[in-house]
PDB file of all heavy atoms in Angstrom:
ATOM      1  N   MET A   1      75.820 -23.221 -31.596  1.00  0.00           N
ATOM      2  CA  MET A   1      75.355 -24.600 -31.563  1.00  0.00           C
ATOM      3  C   MET A   1      74.185 -24.800 -32.513  1.00  0.00           C
ATOM      4  O   MET A   1      74.111 -25.809 -33.226  1.00  0.00           O
ATOM      5  CB  MET A   1      74.954 -24.994 -30.137  1.00  0.00           C
ATOM      6  CG  MET A   1      74.640 -26.472 -29.992  1.00  0.00           C
ATOM      7  SD  MET A   1      76.044 -27.502 -30.487  1.00  0.00           S
ATOM      8  CE  MET A   1      75.344 -29.127 -30.283  1.00  0.00           C
ATOM      9  N   THR A   2      73.277 -23.832 -32.541  1.00  0.00           N
ATOM     10  CA  THR A   2      72.148 -23.919 -33.465  1.00  0.00           C
ATOM     11  C   THR A   2      72.636 -23.913 -34.904  1.00  0.00           C
ATOM     12  O   THR A   2      72.127 -24.662 -35.743  1.00  0.00           O
ATOM     13  CB  THR A   2      71.164 -22.751 -33.235  1.00  0.00           C
ATOM     14  OG1 THR A   2      70.766 -22.733 -31.865  1.00  0.00           O
ATOM     15  CG2 THR A   2      69.936 -22.891 -34.116  1.00  0.00           C
ATOM     16  N   ASP A   3      73.635 -23.069 -35.200  1.00  0.00           N
ATOM     17  CA  ASP A   3      74.222 -23.043 -36.540  1.00  0.00           C
ATOM     18  C   ASP A   3      74.764 -24.414 -36.918  1.00  0.00           C
ATOM     19  O   ASP A   3      74.540 -24.902 -38.027  1.00  0.00           O
ATOM     20  CB  ASP A   3      75.372 -22.028 -36.603  1.00  0.00           C
ATOM     21  CG  ASP A   3      74.897 -20.595 -36.503  1.00  0.00           C
ATOM     22  OD1 ASP A   3      73.672 -20.366 -36.564  1.00  0.00           O
ATOM     23  OD2 ASP A   3      75.751 -19.707 -36.356  1.00  0.00           O
ATOM     24  N   ALA A   4      75.486 -25.030 -35.985  1.00  0.00           N
ATOM     25  CA  ALA A   4      76.110 -26.329 -36.257  1.00  0.00           C
ATOM     26  C   ALA A   4      75.058 -27.388 -36.559  1.00  0.00           C
ATOM     27  O   ALA A   4      75.192 -28.150 -37.523  1.00  0.00           O
ATOM     28  CB  ALA A   4      76.973 -26.754 -35.068  1.00  0.00           C
ATOM     29  N   ILE A   5      74.010 -27.438 -35.750  1.00  0.00           N
ATOM     30  CA  ILE A   5      72.976 -28.454 -35.953  1.00  0.00           C
ATOM     31  C   ILE A   5      72.242 -28.211 -37.266  1.00  0.00           C
ATOM     32  O   ILE A   5      72.068 -29.133 -38.087  1.00  0.00           O
ATOM     33  CB  ILE A   5      71.962 -28.436 -34.788  1.00  0.00           C
ATOM     34  CG1 ILE A   5      72.658 -28.743 -33.472  1.00  0.00           C
ATOM     35  CG2 ILE A   5      70.855 -29.458 -35.029  1.00  0.00           C
ATOM     36  CD1 ILE A   5      71.809 -28.436 -32.259  1.00  0.00           C
ATOM     37  N   LEU A   6      71.795 -26.974 -37.476  1.00  0.00           N
ATOM     38  CA  LEU A   6      71.025 -26.665 -38.682  1.00  0.00           C
ATOM     39  C   LEU A   6      71.839 -26.933 -39.946  1.00  0.00           C
ATOM     40  O   LEU A   6      71.348 -27.542 -40.901  1.00  0.00           O
ATOM     41  CB  LEU A   6      70.566 -25.206 -38.665  1.00  0.00           C
ATOM     42  CG  LEU A   6      69.391 -24.866 -37.751  1.00  0.00           C
ATOM     43  CD1 LEU A   6      69.132 -23.366 -37.758  1.00  0.00           C
ATOM     44  CD2 LEU A   6      68.127 -25.603 -38.193  1.00  0.00           C
ATOM     45  N   ASN A   7      73.090 -26.471 -39.957  1.00  0.00           N
ATOM     46  CA  ASN A   7      73.896 -26.627 -41.161  1.00  0.00           C
ATOM     47  C   ASN A   7      74.244 -28.087 -41.447  1.00  0.00           C
ATOM     48  O   ASN A   7      74.293 -28.505 -42.609  1.00  0.00           O
ATOM     49  CB  ASN A   7      75.165 -25.776 -41.059  1.00  0.00           C
ATOM     50  CG  ASN A   7      74.885 -24.311 -41.269  1.00  0.00           C
ATOM     51  OD1 ASN A   7      74.338 -23.919 -42.285  1.00  0.00           O
ATOM     52  ND2 ASN A   7      75.228 -23.488 -40.294  1.00  0.00           N
ATOM     53  N   SER A   8      74.474 -28.868 -40.397  1.00  0.00           N
ATOM     54  CA  SER A   8      74.764 -30.285 -40.632  1.00  0.00           C
ATOM     55  C   SER A   8      73.538 -30.985 -41.203  1.00  0.00           C
ATOM     56  O   SER A   8      73.646 -31.822 -42.106  1.00  0.00           O
ATOM     57  CB  SER A   8      75.206 -30.965 -39.332  1.00  0.00           C
ATOM     58  OG  SER A   8      74.143 -31.081 -38.411  1.00  0.00           O
ATOM     59  N   LYS A   9      72.352 -30.634 -40.694  1.00  0.00           N
ATOM     60  CA  LYS A   9      71.119 -31.261 -41.178  1.00  0.00           C
ATOM     61  C   LYS A   9      70.757 -30.771 -42.578  1.00  0.00           C
ATOM     62  O   LYS A   9      70.240 -31.541 -43.406  1.00  0.00           O
ATOM     63  CB  LYS A   9      69.971 -30.987 -40.204  1.00  0.00           C
ATOM     64  CG  LYS A   9      70.106 -31.695 -38.877  1.00  0.00           C
ATOM     65  CD  LYS A   9      70.118 -33.214 -39.055  1.00  0.00           C
ATOM     66  CE  LYS A   9      70.146 -33.938 -37.732  1.00  0.00           C
ATOM     67  NZ  LYS A   9      70.203 -35.412 -37.899  1.00  0.00           N
ATOM     68  N   ILE A  10      71.002 -29.489 -42.855  1.00  0.00           N
ATOM     69  CA  ILE A  10      70.754 -28.975 -44.205  1.00  0.00           C
ATOM     70  C   ILE A  10      71.649 -29.687 -45.207  1.00  0.00           C
ATOM     71  O   ILE A  10      71.217 -30.057 -46.304  1.00  0.00           O
ATOM     72  CB  ILE A  10      70.973 -27.452 -44.249  1.00  0.00           C
ATOM     73  CG1 ILE A  10      69.842 -26.735 -43.493  1.00  0.00           C
ATOM     74  CG2 ILE A  10      71.019 -26.949 -45.697  1.00  0.00           C
ATOM     75  CD1 ILE A  10      70.055 -25.247 -43.332  1.00  0.00           C
ATOM     76  N   SER A  11      72.911 -29.889 -44.828  1.00  0.00           N
ATOM     77  CA  SER A  11      73.838 -30.621 -45.694  1.00  0.00           C
ATOM     78  C   SER A  11      73.346 -32.040 -45.935  1.00  0.00           C
ATOM     79  O   SER A  11      73.395 -32.556 -47.063  1.00  0.00           O
ATOM     80  CB  SER A  11      75.228 -30.643 -45.054  1.00  0.00           C
ATOM     81  OG  SER A  11      76.135 -31.391 -45.829  1.00  0.00           O
ATOM     82  N   LEU A  12      72.839 -32.685 -44.883  1.00  0.00           N
ATOM     83  CA  LEU A  12      72.312 -34.045 -45.007  1.00  0.00           C
ATOM     84  C   LEU A  12      71.093 -34.065 -45.922  1.00  0.00           C
ATOM     85  O   LEU A  12      70.969 -34.942 -46.794  1.00  0.00           O
ATOM     86  CB  LEU A  12      71.932 -34.586 -43.625  1.00  0.00           C
ATOM     87  CG  LEU A  12      71.293 -35.976 -43.578  1.00  0.00           C
ATOM     88  CD1 LEU A  12      72.271 -37.029 -44.092  1.00  0.00           C
ATOM     89  CD2 LEU A  12      70.845 -36.314 -42.154  1.00  0.00           C
ATOM     90  N   ALA A  13      70.196 -33.092 -45.744  1.00  0.00           N
ATOM     91  CA  ALA A  13      68.989 -33.031 -46.575  1.00  0.00           C
ATOM     92  C   ALA A  13      69.348 -32.824 -48.050  1.00  0.00           C
ATOM     93  O   ALA A  13      68.783 -33.478 -48.933  1.00  0.00           O
ATOM     94  CB  ALA A  13      68.081 -31.903 -46.091  1.00  0.00           C
ATOM     95  N   LYS A  14      70.285 -31.929 -48.310  1.00  0.00           N
ATOM     96  CA  LYS A  14      70.686 -31.668 -49.689  1.00  0.00           C
ATOM     97  C   LYS A  14      71.297 -32.902 -50.336  1.00  0.00           C
ATOM     98  O   LYS A  14      71.117 -33.143 -51.535  1.00  0.00           O
ATOM     99  CB  LYS A  14      71.664 -30.496 -49.739  1.00  0.00           C
ATOM    100  CG  LYS A  14      71.007 -29.145 -49.496  1.00  0.00           C
ATOM    101  CD  LYS A  14      71.999 -28.003 -49.642  1.00  0.00           C
ATOM    102  CE  LYS A  14      71.326 -26.654 -49.517  1.00  0.00           C
ATOM    103  NZ  LYS A  14      72.283 -25.529 -49.650  1.00  0.00           N
ATOM    104  N   SER A  15      72.020 -33.689 -49.536  1.00  0.00           N
ATOM    105  CA  SER A  15      72.624 -34.912 -50.079  1.00  0.00           C
ATOM    106  C   SER A  15      71.556 -35.924 -50.480  1.00  0.00           C
ATOM    107  O   SER A  15      71.810 -36.830 -51.266  1.00  0.00           O
ATOM    108  CB  SER A  15      73.572 -35.541 -49.053  1.00  0.00           C
ATOM    109  OG  SER A  15      72.852 -36.141 -47.984  1.00  0.00           O
ATOM    110  N   LYS A  16      70.344 -35.749 -49.952  1.00  0.00           N
ATOM    111  CA  LYS A  16      69.226 -36.620 -50.290  1.00  0.00           C
ATOM    112  C   LYS A  16      68.250 -35.928 -51.247  1.00  0.00           C
ATOM    113  O   LYS A  16      67.104 -36.358 -51.403  1.00  0.00           O
ATOM    114  CB  LYS A  16      68.491 -37.039 -49.011  1.00  0.00           C
ATOM    115  CG  LYS A  16      69.356 -37.837 -48.039  1.00  0.00           C
ATOM    116  CD  LYS A  16      68.597 -38.185 -46.769  1.00  0.00           C
ATOM    117  CE  LYS A  16      69.472 -38.955 -45.789  1.00  0.00           C
ATOM    118  NZ  LYS A  16      69.854 -40.281 -46.313  1.00  0.00           N
ATOM    119  N   ASN A  17      68.739 -34.850 -51.871  1.00  0.00           N
ATOM    120  CA  ASN A  17      67.944 -34.104 -52.862  1.00  0.00           C
ATOM    121  C   ASN A  17      66.645 -33.552 -52.274  1.00  0.00           C
ATOM    122  O   ASN A  17      65.572 -33.641 -52.865  1.00  0.00           O
ATOM    123  CB  ASN A  17      67.644 -34.982 -54.081  1.00  0.00           C
ATOM    124  CG  ASN A  17      68.897 -35.426 -54.806  1.00  0.00           C
ATOM    125  OD1 ASN A  17      69.778 -34.612 -55.097  1.00  0.00           O
ATOM    126  ND2 ASN A  17      69.002 -36.716 -55.083  1.00  0.00           N
ATOM    127  N   ILE A  18      66.757 -32.983 -51.083  1.00  0.00           N
ATOM    128  CA  ILE A  18      65.623 -32.332 -50.426  1.00  0.00           C
ATOM    129  C   ILE A  18      65.908 -30.841 -50.349  1.00  0.00           C
ATOM    130  O   ILE A  18      66.935 -30.423 -49.794  1.00  0.00           O
ATOM    131  CB  ILE A  18      65.399 -32.890 -49.008  1.00  0.00           C
ATOM    132  CG1 ILE A  18      65.154 -34.405 -49.042  1.00  0.00           C
ATOM    133  CG2 ILE A  18      64.233 -32.170 -48.326  1.00  0.00           C
ATOM    134  CD1 ILE A  18      65.133 -35.048 -47.663  1.00  0.00           C
ATOM    135  N   GLN A  19      65.018 -30.036 -50.891  1.00  0.00           N
ATOM    136  CA  GLN A  19      65.190 -28.591 -50.834  1.00  0.00           C
ATOM    137  C   GLN A  19      64.860 -28.092 -49.423  1.00  0.00           C
ATOM    138  O   GLN A  19      63.869 -28.498 -48.817  1.00  0.00           O
ATOM    139  CB  GLN A  19      64.275 -27.888 -51.834  1.00  0.00           C
ATOM    140  CG  GLN A  19      64.439 -26.362 -51.850  1.00  0.00           C
ATOM    141  CD  GLN A  19      63.443 -25.667 -52.766  1.00  0.00           C
ATOM    142  OE1 GLN A  19      62.578 -26.317 -53.344  1.00  0.00           O
ATOM    143  NE2 GLN A  19      63.563 -24.358 -52.895  1.00  0.00           N
ATOM    144  N   VAL A  20      65.718 -27.205 -48.900  1.00  0.00           N
ATOM    145  CA  VAL A  20      65.489 -26.633 -47.572  1.00  0.00           C
ATOM    146  C   VAL A  20      65.456 -25.117 -47.684  1.00  0.00           C
ATOM    147  O   VAL A  20      66.371 -24.505 -48.236  1.00  0.00           O
ATOM    148  CB  VAL A  20      66.591 -27.046 -46.575  1.00  0.00           C
ATOM    149  CG1 VAL A  20      66.339 -26.396 -45.211  1.00  0.00           C
ATOM    150  CG2 VAL A  20      66.656 -28.560 -46.436  1.00  0.00           C
ATOM    151  N   ILE A  21      64.400 -24.511 -47.181  1.00  0.00           N
ATOM    152  CA  ILE A  21      64.295 -23.053 -47.103  1.00  0.00           C
ATOM    153  C   ILE A  21      64.311 -22.693 -45.627  1.00  0.00           C
ATOM    154  O   ILE A  21      63.394 -23.043 -44.886  1.00  0.00           O
ATOM    155  CB  ILE A  21      63.010 -22.528 -47.766  1.00  0.00           C
ATOM    156  CG1 ILE A  21      62.992 -22.896 -49.256  1.00  0.00           C
ATOM    157  CG2 ILE A  21      62.897 -21.014 -47.584  1.00  0.00           C
ATOM    158  CD1 ILE A  21      61.707 -22.503 -49.966  1.00  0.00           C
ATOM    159  N   ALA A  22      65.364 -22.015 -45.190  1.00  0.00           N
ATOM    160  CA  ALA A  22      65.533 -21.727 -43.766  1.00  0.00           C
ATOM    161  C   ALA A  22      65.700 -20.238 -43.518  1.00  0.00           C
ATOM    162  O   ALA A  22      66.447 -19.561 -44.225  1.00  0.00           O
ATOM    163  CB  ALA A  22      66.739 -22.481 -43.213  1.00  0.00           C
ATOM    164  N   ASP A  23      65.004 -19.741 -42.525  1.00  0.00           N
ATOM    165  CA  ASP A  23      65.108 -18.350 -42.089  1.00  0.00           C
ATOM    166  C   ASP A  23      65.205 -18.392 -40.569  1.00  0.00           C
ATOM    167  O   ASP A  23      64.205 -18.617 -39.885  1.00  0.00           O
ATOM    168  CB  ASP A  23      63.878 -17.557 -42.544  1.00  0.00           C
ATOM    169  CG  ASP A  23      63.971 -16.080 -42.169  1.00  0.00           C
ATOM    170  OD1 ASP A  23      65.057 -15.654 -41.719  1.00  0.00           O
ATOM    171  OD2 ASP A  23      62.963 -15.362 -42.329  1.00  0.00           O
ATOM    172  N   ALA A  24      66.404 -18.221 -40.037  1.00  0.00           N
ATOM    173  CA  ALA A  24      66.612 -18.394 -38.597  1.00  0.00           C
ATOM    174  C   ALA A  24      67.455 -17.256 -38.037  1.00  0.00           C
ATOM    175  O   ALA A  24      68.533 -16.957 -38.551  1.00  0.00           O
ATOM    176  CB  ALA A  24      67.289 -19.733 -38.323  1.00  0.00           C
ATOM    177  N   HIS A  25      66.957 -16.638 -36.988  1.00  0.00           N
ATOM    178  CA  HIS A  25      67.660 -15.528 -36.341  1.00  0.00           C
ATOM    179  C   HIS A  25      67.533 -15.671 -34.829  1.00  0.00           C
ATOM    180  O   HIS A  25      66.431 -15.737 -34.293  1.00  0.00           O
ATOM    181  CB  HIS A  25      67.067 -14.187 -36.774  1.00  0.00           C
ATOM    182  CG  HIS A  25      66.994 -14.012 -38.247  1.00  0.00           C
ATOM    183  ND1 HIS A  25      68.071 -13.620 -39.008  1.00  0.00           N
ATOM    184  CD2 HIS A  25      65.962 -14.202 -39.113  1.00  0.00           C
ATOM    185  CE1 HIS A  25      67.712 -13.566 -40.279  1.00  0.00           C
ATOM    186  NE2 HIS A  25      66.444 -13.909 -40.372  1.00  0.00           N
TER     187      HIS A  25
END
């Protein structure tokens, strides 16, 4: 579930030209 939320939001951020640096375990 965390993967789904993070990846959907990262995709949204990238579509708005926002760089995302994520380190999640």
